[in-house]
């Protein structure tokens, strides 16, 4: 789209139009006249950039993208183990927004050859380097000062709006410039959490134990945080444009798209494959938990499906495949506090359980949910959420509870209702009406978090341990409630799968 800059300059309330290559900004003393001028600017014709590849239909389109495959874990402790029944299933999630309640904002001042930017970026040092390169300034003449702003648990538009305001401030020396994106700009331009797909295969022996496990995951990168000018939106708009940093996977043990793809359970034979997708038809970056959200969703959903096939209780089935006593303790604590054995399902109401150790070296977390599906209203009621967490020595138990409570609520929103729309050429969601998030009326009626304190043991960190288990616990509870296994997020959309298939 090419706005008529001359017409914009004539708009009432527009003090200046800053143009740097294809980058253009309108500046003035008051917000509303600029909003009106922006509407004039947006009347131009939108033209697709032919250099940007079209987005194939998701999630199947992930399987068609160029991939770099790597076996990240393999075990053959008992190659002679005989499986008499093999099951396979696919699980996926769509692109997700960070959904920060407040749009991204930054303030900049260029004076005496120095630039100061006040920003809510999560990485002021790498942002400083990126802005210095963008403006062709020595890094020691650029200062980025962190200020509290709209949070995002990952990489949203905060860095981009800082790059934008830096270009504007340089064109207006001595004048403080504040730039805040609109809701439409935030939804339309923030990096998304990547769409992902996982396929899991497993074999059960005659006793109902898992003797072989195979997990494959397809994902773009989970981090494009700015370290250079080409990583900022404005870096692609100035002339000549800067080249973005090539995407790359985050190696294990933390992992990116393959985070938590390696199960903590002890299976005699397993193979875990990460299919890294370097081409990004949609701009993506870090979203809280990275690949753990989808991988734990897949792993723990499949554990329930295997438990059903083996005729075992889901909690007992998990315990039978663990040799980590702390993991077992967390599972037992959550199940006991929930009243797992005493639970009685009702029509359209069921229970679900899931467990993981975040990154396989962080906090242990188990989540149990009591969920009701309201068929006529197309929504869920989470009557109870119960979690147990082991973060090592608990310095601040209340802080641990807060993190887990927030993670449960956030994951319920992601997993149940969120999906960033795309028509193949551009995004389609620009406000809360088309990209809904969990409302106050839909949060769990009750949330209980049991903290298992282990004095003298290393601190494990808690921040993102609940997202994956909550996602799978919700899928498992829905299956219990309605008798249909959902494997595609968002879960309360019409399910795209049936029960796990035998092969």
Protein backbone atom coordinates (compact mmCIF):
# COMPACT_ATOMS: atom_id res chain seq x y z
CA UNK A 1 0.00 0.00 0.00
CA UNK A 2 1.39 3.40 -0.96
CA UNK A 3 -0.28 6.27 0.92
CA UNK A 4 -0.50 9.78 -0.56
CA UNK A 5 2.08 11.52 1.66
CA UNK A 6 1.35 14.92 0.18
CA UNK A 7 -2.31 14.58 1.16
CA UNK A 8 -1.27 13.49 4.62
CA UNK A 9 0.85 16.59 5.09
CA UNK A 10 -2.24 18.70 4.38
CA UNK A 11 -4.31 16.98 7.06
CA UNK A 12 -5.26 19.11 10.06
CA UNK A 13 -3.19 18.25 13.13
CA UNK A 14 -0.28 16.68 11.19
CA UNK A 15 2.87 18.57 12.10
CA UNK A 16 5.30 16.42 10.15
CA UNK A 17 5.49 13.35 7.94
CA UNK A 18 8.68 11.37 8.42
CA UNK A 19 9.70 9.22 5.49
CA UNK A 20 12.70 6.90 5.37
CA UNK A 21 12.55 4.64 2.33
CA UNK A 22 9.20 2.84 2.52
CA UNK A 23 8.86 3.72 6.20
CA UNK A 24 6.45 6.61 6.82
CA UNK A 25 5.07 8.11 10.03
CA UNK A 26 2.74 11.00 10.72
CA UNK A 27 3.55 13.15 13.75
CA UNK A 28 1.55 15.75 15.62
CA UNK A 29 0.81 17.15 19.08
CA UNK A 30 -2.56 15.39 19.56
CA UNK A 31 -3.65 11.78 19.01
CA UNK A 32 -7.11 12.06 17.48
CA UNK A 33 -6.16 14.13 14.41
CA UNK A 34 -3.41 11.60 13.72
CA UNK A 35 -5.93 8.75 13.98
CA UNK A 36 -8.06 10.53 11.38
CA UNK A 37 -5.05 11.06 9.13
CA UNK A 38 -4.13 7.40 9.50
CA UNK A 39 -7.54 6.45 8.18
CA UNK A 40 -6.87 8.60 5.12
CA UNK A 41 -3.51 6.86 4.67
CA UNK A 42 -5.13 3.42 4.89
CA UNK A 43 -7.48 4.10 2.00
CA UNK A 44 -4.73 3.08 -0.40
CA UNK A 45 -4.81 -0.22 -2.23
CA UNK A 46 -3.14 -3.13 -0.43
CA UNK A 47 -0.82 -5.06 -2.75
CA UNK A 48 0.67 -8.40 -1.85
CA UNK A 49 4.48 -8.51 -1.72
CA UNK A 50 5.40 -11.25 -4.21
CA UNK A 51 8.61 -11.92 -2.29
CA UNK A 52 6.59 -13.24 0.65
CA UNK A 53 5.48 -16.86 0.10
CA UNK A 54 1.78 -17.63 0.40
CA UNK A 55 0.74 -19.43 3.54
CA UNK A 56 -0.42 -22.97 2.78
CA UNK A 57 -3.50 -24.32 4.58
CA UNK A 58 -2.69 -25.15 8.17
CA UNK A 59 -1.80 -27.35 9.92
CA UNK A 60 -1.19 -29.80 7.05
CA UNK A 61 0.84 -27.13 5.28
CA UNK A 62 3.60 -27.55 7.84
CA UNK A 63 4.29 -31.01 6.40
CA UNK A 64 4.92 -29.51 2.95
CA UNK A 65 7.49 -26.90 4.02
CA UNK A 66 11.22 -27.26 3.56
CA UNK A 67 12.62 -28.98 6.63
CA UNK A 68 15.87 -29.66 8.42
CA UNK A 69 15.38 -32.91 10.32
CA UNK A 70 17.39 -34.09 13.30
CA UNK A 71 17.09 -37.04 15.66
CA UNK A 72 17.36 -35.34 19.05
CA UNK A 73 17.02 -38.49 21.17
CA UNK A 74 17.13 -42.20 20.59
CA UNK A 75 17.12 -45.20 22.90
CA UNK A 76 17.25 -48.91 22.22
CA UNK A 77 17.44 -50.48 25.67
CA UNK A 78 15.35 -53.47 24.68
CA UNK A 79 15.11 -53.85 20.91
CA UNK A 80 13.64 -57.31 21.36
CA UNK A 81 10.58 -55.98 23.20
CA UNK A 82 7.46 -57.07 21.35
CA UNK A 83 4.56 -54.70 20.86
CA UNK A 84 1.25 -56.35 20.05
CA UNK A 85 -0.64 -53.13 19.40
CA UNK A 86 0.56 -49.89 17.83
CA UNK A 87 -1.29 -46.59 17.93
CA UNK A 88 -0.59 -43.32 16.14
CA UNK A 89 -2.07 -39.82 16.39
CA UNK A 90 -1.40 -36.27 15.22
CA UNK A 91 -1.82 -33.13 17.29
CA UNK A 92 -1.53 -29.51 16.22
CA UNK A 93 -1.91 -25.92 17.26
CA UNK A 94 -2.53 -22.79 15.15
CA UNK A 95 -0.59 -19.55 15.12
CA UNK A 96 -1.16 -17.74 18.41
CA UNK A 97 -0.95 -14.07 19.33
CA UNK A 98 0.66 -12.76 22.48
CA UNK A 99 -2.52 -10.81 23.01
CA UNK A 100 -1.04 -8.11 25.24
CA UNK A 101 -3.94 -6.11 26.65
CA UNK A 102 -2.10 -2.84 25.99
CA UNK A 103 -0.57 -2.19 22.54
CA UNK A 104 3.19 -1.71 22.27
CA UNK A 105 4.58 1.73 23.03
CA UNK A 106 7.94 3.57 23.14
CA UNK A 107 9.28 7.08 23.71
CA UNK A 108 12.46 8.44 22.11
CA UNK A 109 14.54 11.61 22.25
CA UNK A 110 17.35 12.45 19.83
CA UNK A 111 19.48 15.30 21.14
CA UNK A 112 23.10 16.35 20.73
CA UNK A 113 23.85 13.35 18.55
CA UNK A 114 22.58 10.85 21.12
CA UNK A 115 19.43 8.75 21.10
CA UNK A 116 17.53 7.59 24.19
CA UNK A 117 14.64 5.15 23.86
CA UNK A 118 12.30 4.24 26.70
CA UNK A 119 10.93 0.79 25.95
CA UNK A 120 9.19 -2.25 27.45
CA UNK A 121 11.34 -4.58 25.36
CA UNK A 122 12.50 -7.71 27.17
CA UNK A 123 16.00 -7.30 25.74
CA UNK A 124 17.29 -3.75 25.92
CA UNK A 125 20.91 -4.64 25.10
CA UNK A 126 20.23 -6.50 21.82
CA UNK A 127 17.59 -3.88 20.95
CA UNK A 128 20.23 -1.18 21.42
CA UNK A 129 22.49 -2.94 18.91
CA UNK A 130 19.64 -3.31 16.41
CA UNK A 131 18.61 0.37 16.65
CA UNK A 132 22.21 1.55 16.38
CA UNK A 133 22.59 -0.41 13.14
CA UNK A 134 19.21 0.81 11.86
CA UNK A 135 20.23 4.45 12.36
CA UNK A 136 23.91 3.92 11.41
CA UNK A 137 24.95 5.27 14.80
CA UNK A 138 27.69 4.09 17.16
CA UNK A 139 26.14 1.84 19.80
CA UNK A 140 27.66 3.94 22.57
CA UNK A 141 25.49 6.86 21.42
CA UNK A 142 22.27 4.85 21.75
CA UNK A 143 20.66 4.16 25.11
CA UNK A 144 17.64 1.91 25.69
CA UNK A 145 15.96 2.34 29.07
CA UNK A 146 13.52 -0.31 30.23
CA UNK A 147 10.15 0.89 31.47
CA UNK A 148 7.18 -1.20 32.50
CA UNK A 149 4.64 -1.55 29.73
CA UNK A 150 2.30 -4.09 28.19
CA UNK A 151 3.70 -7.53 28.97
CA UNK A 152 3.64 -10.41 26.55
CA UNK A 153 5.60 -13.43 27.88
CA UNK A 154 7.73 -13.58 24.77
CA UNK A 155 8.47 -11.29 21.84
CA UNK A 156 5.62 -9.01 20.79
CA UNK A 157 5.72 -5.57 19.12
CA UNK A 158 7.69 -3.76 21.84
CA UNK A 159 11.01 -3.93 19.95
CA UNK A 160 9.43 -2.95 16.63
CA UNK A 161 7.69 0.13 18.01
CA UNK A 162 11.03 1.15 19.57
CA UNK A 163 12.69 0.91 16.16
CA UNK A 164 9.86 2.93 14.62
CA UNK A 165 10.08 5.74 17.18
CA UNK A 166 13.87 5.87 16.86
CA UNK A 167 13.58 6.70 13.15
CA UNK A 168 11.01 9.40 13.90
CA UNK A 169 12.97 10.95 16.76
CA UNK A 170 16.11 11.22 14.63
CA UNK A 171 14.12 13.31 12.14
CA UNK A 172 12.95 15.62 14.95
CA UNK A 173 16.02 16.50 17.06
CA UNK A 174 15.31 17.81 20.54
CA UNK A 175 11.64 16.77 20.50
CA UNK A 176 10.46 13.85 22.70
CA UNK A 177 8.37 11.50 20.55
CA UNK A 178 5.88 8.99 21.88
CA UNK A 179 4.65 6.25 19.56
CA UNK A 180 1.94 3.79 20.52
CA UNK A 181 0.63 1.20 18.13
CA UNK A 182 -3.12 0.87 17.71
CA UNK A 183 -4.89 -2.37 18.56
CA UNK A 184 -5.10 -3.12 14.84
CA UNK A 185 -1.36 -2.58 14.41
CA UNK A 186 -0.55 -4.77 17.40
CA UNK A 187 -2.72 -7.62 16.17
CA UNK A 188 -1.59 -7.17 12.58
CA UNK A 189 2.17 -6.89 13.05
CA UNK A 190 3.32 -8.51 16.28
CA UNK A 191 5.27 -11.75 15.79
CA UNK A 192 3.06 -14.81 16.34
CA UNK A 193 3.74 -17.97 18.28
CA UNK A 194 4.44 -20.59 15.59
CA UNK A 195 1.86 -23.07 14.35
CA UNK A 196 3.05 -26.60 15.14
CA UNK A 197 2.25 -30.22 14.41
CA UNK A 198 3.34 -33.39 16.20
CA UNK A 199 2.89 -37.05 15.34
CA UNK A 200 3.26 -39.65 18.06
CA UNK A 201 3.43 -43.42 17.59
CA UNK A 202 3.68 -46.06 20.31
CA UNK A 203 3.49 -49.81 20.77
CA UNK A 204 1.97 -51.63 23.75
CA UNK A 205 3.05 -55.10 24.83
CA UNK A 206 0.75 -57.84 26.11
CA UNK A 207 0.82 -56.42 29.65
CA UNK A 208 -0.23 -52.96 28.49
CA UNK A 209 3.19 -51.33 28.88
CA UNK A 210 4.69 -48.99 26.31
CA UNK A 211 7.67 -50.71 24.66
CA UNK A 212 8.31 -48.31 21.78
CA UNK A 213 7.72 -44.55 21.44
CA UNK A 214 8.26 -42.26 18.45
CA UNK A 215 7.61 -38.53 18.44
CA UNK A 216 8.03 -36.15 15.50
CA UNK A 217 7.43 -32.42 15.62
CA UNK A 218 7.26 -29.82 12.82
CA UNK A 219 7.87 -26.19 13.74
CA UNK A 220 9.37 -22.86 12.64
CA UNK A 221 11.86 -21.10 14.86
CA UNK A 222 10.67 -19.90 18.26
CA UNK A 223 12.96 -16.90 18.56
CA UNK A 224 13.51 -13.99 16.22
CA UNK A 225 14.25 -11.48 18.96
CA UNK A 226 16.02 -8.47 17.42
CA UNK A 227 19.79 -8.58 17.51
CA UNK A 228 20.28 -6.65 14.27
CA UNK A 229 18.44 -4.00 12.23
CA UNK A 230 17.01 -6.58 9.84
CA UNK A 231 15.08 -8.16 12.72
CA UNK A 232 12.99 -5.00 13.23
CA UNK A 233 9.96 -4.27 11.06
CA UNK A 234 11.42 -0.89 10.14
CA UNK A 235 14.62 -2.60 9.03
CA UNK A 236 12.76 -4.08 6.07
CA UNK A 237 11.24 -0.70 5.12
CA UNK A 238 14.25 1.61 5.01
CA UNK A 239 16.30 1.78 1.81
CA UNK A 240 18.31 -0.25 1.28
CA UNK A 241 16.55 -2.76 3.53
CA UNK A 242 18.46 -4.80 6.07
CA UNK A 243 18.54 -8.60 5.86
CA UNK A 244 16.90 -10.43 8.79
CA UNK A 245 19.03 -12.75 10.88
CA UNK A 246 18.58 -16.29 9.47
CA UNK A 247 16.25 -18.34 11.69
CA UNK A 248 17.76 -21.24 13.56
CA UNK A 249 16.58 -23.85 16.03
CA UNK A 250 17.32 -23.60 19.74
CA UNK A 251 19.44 -26.62 20.67
CA UNK A 252 18.60 -29.13 23.35
CA UNK A 253 18.38 -29.49 26.31
CA UNK A 254 16.19 -26.38 26.31
CA UNK A 255 14.99 -26.69 22.72
CA UNK A 256 12.67 -24.46 20.75
CA UNK A 257 10.05 -26.21 18.65
CA UNK A 258 11.23 -29.50 20.16
CA UNK A 259 11.12 -28.29 23.78
CA UNK A 260 9.70 -31.13 25.90
CA UNK A 261 9.44 -33.43 22.89
CA UNK A 262 11.66 -35.91 24.75
CA UNK A 263 9.44 -37.68 27.30
CA UNK A 264 10.44 -37.90 30.95
CA UNK A 265 8.83 -41.32 31.08
CA UNK A 266 11.07 -44.37 30.82
CA UNK A 267 10.36 -46.31 27.64
CA UNK A 268 12.71 -49.12 26.59
CA UNK A 269 12.82 -47.88 23.01
CA UNK A 270 12.20 -44.39 21.67
CA UNK A 271 13.07 -42.05 18.80
CA UNK A 272 12.44 -38.31 18.87
CA UNK A 273 12.77 -36.30 15.64
CA UNK A 274 12.66 -32.53 15.27
CA UNK A 275 11.71 -31.16 11.84
CA UNK A 276 12.89 -27.54 11.85
CA UNK A 277 11.12 -25.40 9.23
CA UNK A 278 13.42 -22.48 8.27
CA UNK A 279 10.97 -20.74 5.91
CA UNK A 280 8.50 -18.44 7.67
CA UNK A 281 5.52 -17.31 5.56
CA UNK A 282 4.23 -15.68 8.76
CA UNK A 283 6.46 -13.68 11.10
CA UNK A 284 6.93 -15.74 14.27
CA UNK A 285 8.90 -15.54 17.48
CA UNK A 286 8.93 -16.49 21.15
CA UNK A 287 5.64 -17.14 22.93
CA UNK A 288 5.66 -18.33 26.53
CA UNK A 289 6.74 -21.97 26.79
CA UNK A 290 7.91 -22.19 23.16
CA UNK A 291 7.35 -25.69 21.80
CA UNK A 292 6.52 -27.17 25.20
CA UNK A 293 2.88 -26.14 24.84
CA UNK A 294 2.26 -28.35 21.79
CA UNK A 295 4.69 -31.14 22.64
CA UNK A 296 3.31 -31.72 26.13
CA UNK A 297 -0.21 -31.41 24.74
CA UNK A 298 0.62 -34.20 22.29
CA UNK A 299 2.61 -36.37 24.68
CA UNK A 300 0.16 -36.22 27.57
CA UNK A 301 -2.92 -36.53 25.37
CA UNK A 302 -1.41 -39.64 23.82
CA UNK A 303 -0.58 -41.08 27.25
CA UNK A 304 -4.30 -40.92 28.02
CA UNK A 305 -5.16 -42.56 24.71
CA UNK A 306 -2.67 -45.34 25.42
CA UNK A 307 -4.04 -45.76 28.95
CA UNK A 308 -7.51 -46.31 27.48
CA UNK A 309 -6.10 -48.84 25.01
CA UNK A 310 -4.31 -50.63 27.84
CA UNK A 311 -7.38 -50.57 30.08
CA UNK A 312 -5.55 -48.62 32.78
CA UNK A 313 -6.35 -45.59 34.90
CA UNK A 314 -4.51 -42.56 33.38
CA UNK A 315 -2.75 -41.62 36.62
CA UNK A 316 -1.68 -45.18 37.40
CA UNK A 317 -0.55 -45.62 33.80
CA UNK A 318 1.77 -42.61 34.09
CA UNK A 319 3.21 -43.76 37.39
CA UNK A 320 3.94 -47.19 35.92
CA UNK A 321 6.22 -45.59 33.30
CA UNK A 322 8.20 -43.30 35.61
CA UNK A 323 11.44 -43.90 37.49
CA UNK A 324 11.80 -40.33 38.81
CA UNK A 325 10.54 -40.22 42.43
CA UNK A 326 9.98 -36.46 42.38
CA UNK A 327 7.85 -36.76 39.26
CA UNK A 328 5.81 -39.51 40.91
CA UNK A 329 5.38 -37.41 44.05
CA UNK A 330 4.02 -34.46 42.07
CA UNK A 331 1.56 -36.69 40.22
CA UNK A 332 0.33 -38.32 43.42
CA UNK A 333 -0.03 -34.99 45.20
CA UNK A 334 -2.14 -33.47 42.40
CA UNK A 335 -4.31 -36.58 42.09
CA UNK A 336 -4.87 -36.81 45.85
CA UNK A 337 -5.68 -33.11 46.23
CA UNK A 338 -8.09 -33.32 43.29
CA UNK A 339 -9.79 -36.45 44.65
CA UNK A 340 -9.03 -38.41 41.49
CA UNK A 341 -10.19 -41.80 42.75
CA UNK A 342 -13.41 -40.39 44.24
CA UNK A 343 -14.41 -38.44 41.12
CA UNK A 344 -17.66 -39.40 39.42
CA UNK A 345 -18.34 -38.03 35.91
CA UNK A 346 -21.66 -36.53 34.89
CA UNK A 347 -23.24 -35.83 31.48
CA UNK A 348 -20.99 -33.45 29.52
CA UNK A 349 -18.66 -33.25 32.50
CA UNK A 350 -15.36 -35.06 32.98
CA UNK A 351 -11.89 -35.03 34.49
CA UNK A 352 -8.48 -34.73 32.88
CA UNK A 353 -4.92 -35.14 34.09
CA UNK A 354 -1.49 -34.29 32.68
CA UNK A 355 2.09 -33.94 33.87
CA UNK A 356 5.48 -32.68 32.67
CA UNK A 357 8.82 -31.47 33.91
CA UNK A 358 9.42 -28.21 32.06
CA UNK A 359 12.39 -28.58 29.67
CA UNK A 360 13.02 -31.88 31.49
CA UNK A 361 15.28 -29.98 33.91
CA UNK A 362 12.95 -27.31 35.35
CA UNK A 363 9.94 -27.46 37.63
CA UNK A 364 7.75 -30.55 37.85
CA UNK A 365 4.05 -29.79 37.40
CA UNK A 366 0.90 -31.93 37.34
CA UNK A 367 -2.56 -30.52 36.59
CA UNK A 368 -6.01 -32.04 37.08
CA UNK A 369 -9.15 -30.39 35.71
CA UNK A 370 -12.87 -30.85 36.26
CA UNK A 371 -14.51 -29.56 33.06
CA UNK A 372 -18.05 -29.24 31.78
CA UNK A 373 -18.93 -28.68 28.12
CA UNK A 374 -22.08 -26.62 27.56
CA UNK A 375 -23.31 -27.91 24.17
CA UNK A 376 -25.92 -25.26 23.47
CA UNK A 377 -23.60 -22.38 24.36
CA UNK A 378 -20.40 -23.61 22.74
CA UNK A 379 -18.27 -22.94 25.80
CA UNK A 380 -16.55 -24.64 28.71
CA UNK A 381 -16.87 -24.38 32.45
CA UNK A 382 -13.72 -25.32 34.35
CA UNK A 383 -15.19 -26.12 37.74
CA UNK A 384 -11.86 -26.96 39.38
CA UNK A 385 -8.19 -26.78 38.52
CA UNK A 386 -5.77 -28.48 40.88
CA UNK A 387 -2.01 -28.42 40.38
CA UNK A 388 1.02 -29.70 42.24
CA UNK A 389 4.45 -28.21 41.57
CA UNK A 390 8.00 -29.02 42.67
CA UNK A 391 10.38 -26.13 41.98
CA UNK A 392 13.08 -27.28 44.36
CA UNK A 393 13.56 -25.13 47.43
CA UNK A 394 10.55 -22.83 47.59
CA UNK A 395 11.92 -19.40 48.46
CA UNK A 396 8.61 -17.69 47.68
CA UNK A 397 5.72 -20.19 47.72
CA UNK A 398 3.18 -17.46 46.97
CA UNK A 399 5.14 -16.43 43.89
CA UNK A 400 5.21 -20.05 42.74
CA UNK A 401 1.44 -20.31 43.16
CA UNK A 402 0.93 -17.08 41.25
CA UNK A 403 3.00 -18.33 38.32
CA UNK A 404 1.16 -21.64 38.13
CA UNK A 405 -2.27 -20.03 38.53
CA UNK A 406 -1.48 -17.56 35.74
CA UNK A 407 -0.07 -20.32 33.54
CA UNK A 408 -3.24 -22.39 33.94
CA UNK A 409 -5.49 -19.49 32.96
CA UNK A 410 -3.28 -18.49 30.02
CA UNK A 411 -3.06 -22.03 28.71
CA UNK A 412 -6.81 -22.54 28.98
CA UNK A 413 -7.25 -19.50 26.75
CA UNK A 414 -4.63 -20.59 24.21
CA UNK A 415 -5.83 -24.17 24.10
CA UNK A 416 -9.58 -23.69 24.14
CA UNK A 417 -10.30 -20.62 22.03
CA UNK A 418 -7.30 -18.80 20.53
CA UNK A 419 -6.20 -18.97 16.89
CA UNK A 420 -4.67 -16.25 14.71
CA UNK A 421 -6.51 -16.24 11.38
CA UNK A 422 -4.84 -15.98 7.98
CA UNK A 423 -6.35 -16.10 4.49
CA UNK A 424 -3.15 -17.25 2.79
CA UNK A 425 -2.03 -13.72 1.94
CA UNK A 426 -2.40 -11.76 5.16
CA UNK A 427 -3.74 -11.89 8.70
CA UNK A 428 -7.46 -11.59 9.25
CA UNK A 429 -7.72 -10.76 12.97
CA UNK A 430 -7.28 -7.15 14.02
CA UNK A 431 -9.28 -6.79 17.22
CA UNK A 432 -10.68 -8.74 20.17
CA UNK A 433 -13.90 -9.61 18.35
CA UNK A 434 -12.05 -11.80 15.85
CA UNK A 435 -9.28 -12.92 18.21
CA UNK A 436 -11.01 -13.67 21.52
CA UNK A 437 -9.16 -14.42 24.73
CA UNK A 438 -10.50 -15.92 27.94
CA UNK A 439 -12.89 -13.54 29.71
CA UNK A 440 -13.39 -13.20 33.44
CA UNK A 441 -16.64 -15.16 33.28
CA UNK A 442 -14.78 -18.19 31.87
CA UNK A 443 -11.84 -18.50 34.24
CA UNK A 444 -11.83 -21.60 36.49
CA UNK A 445 -14.32 -21.47 39.34
CA UNK A 446 -11.59 -22.75 41.65
CA UNK A 447 -7.79 -23.00 41.33
CA UNK A 448 -5.64 -24.82 43.90
CA UNK A 449 -1.86 -25.03 43.66
CA UNK A 450 0.04 -27.36 46.00
CA UNK A 451 3.71 -26.42 46.39
CA UNK A 452 6.04 -29.27 47.27
CA UNK A 453 8.93 -27.62 49.10
CA UNK A 454 12.33 -29.34 48.96
CA UNK A 455 14.68 -27.36 51.21
CA UNK A 456 18.34 -27.58 50.28
CA UNK A 457 17.69 -28.67 46.69
CA UNK A 458 18.49 -26.47 43.65
CA UNK A 459 15.98 -23.84 42.56
CA UNK A 460 14.32 -25.07 39.36
CA UNK A 461 12.29 -22.08 38.20
CA UNK A 462 8.54 -22.11 37.77
CA UNK A 463 7.48 -19.53 35.18
CA UNK A 464 6.29 -21.72 32.27
CA UNK A 465 5.75 -25.14 33.82
CA UNK A 466 1.93 -25.14 33.77
CA UNK A 467 1.11 -24.33 30.14
CA UNK A 468 1.76 -27.76 28.63
CA UNK A 469 0.14 -29.88 31.35
CA UNK A 470 -2.94 -27.62 31.40
CA UNK A 471 -3.39 -27.96 27.63
CA UNK A 472 -3.31 -31.75 27.76
CA UNK A 473 -5.41 -31.94 30.93
CA UNK A 474 -8.08 -29.88 29.17
CA UNK A 475 -8.08 -32.18 26.13
CA UNK A 476 -8.24 -35.23 28.38
CA UNK A 477 -11.10 -33.74 30.42
CA UNK A 478 -13.05 -32.88 27.26
CA UNK A 479 -12.63 -36.44 26.03
CA UNK A 480 -13.97 -37.68 29.35
CA UNK A 481 -16.89 -35.26 29.15
CA UNK A 482 -18.06 -35.71 25.56
CA UNK A 483 -16.47 -38.97 24.42
CA UNK A 484 -14.63 -37.42 21.47
CA UNK A 485 -10.85 -36.92 21.41
CA UNK A 486 -9.89 -33.38 20.27
CA UNK A 487 -6.37 -33.20 18.85
CA UNK A 488 -6.44 -29.81 17.15
CA UNK A 489 -6.38 -26.51 18.98
CA UNK A 490 -8.49 -24.53 19.64
CA UNK A 491 -10.32 -27.37 21.32
CA UNK A 492 -13.83 -25.99 21.38
CA UNK A 493 -13.88 -25.59 17.63
CA UNK A 494 -15.33 -28.62 15.83
CA UNK A 495 -12.82 -31.44 16.46
CA UNK A 496 -10.82 -32.53 13.43
CA UNK A 497 -9.90 -35.97 14.70
CA UNK A 498 -11.31 -39.19 16.02
CA UNK A 499 -9.80 -41.72 18.38
CA UNK A 500 -6.19 -42.78 17.94
CA UNK A 501 -5.87 -45.17 15.04
CA UNK A 502 -4.33 -48.61 15.30
CA UNK A 503 -1.69 -49.37 12.70
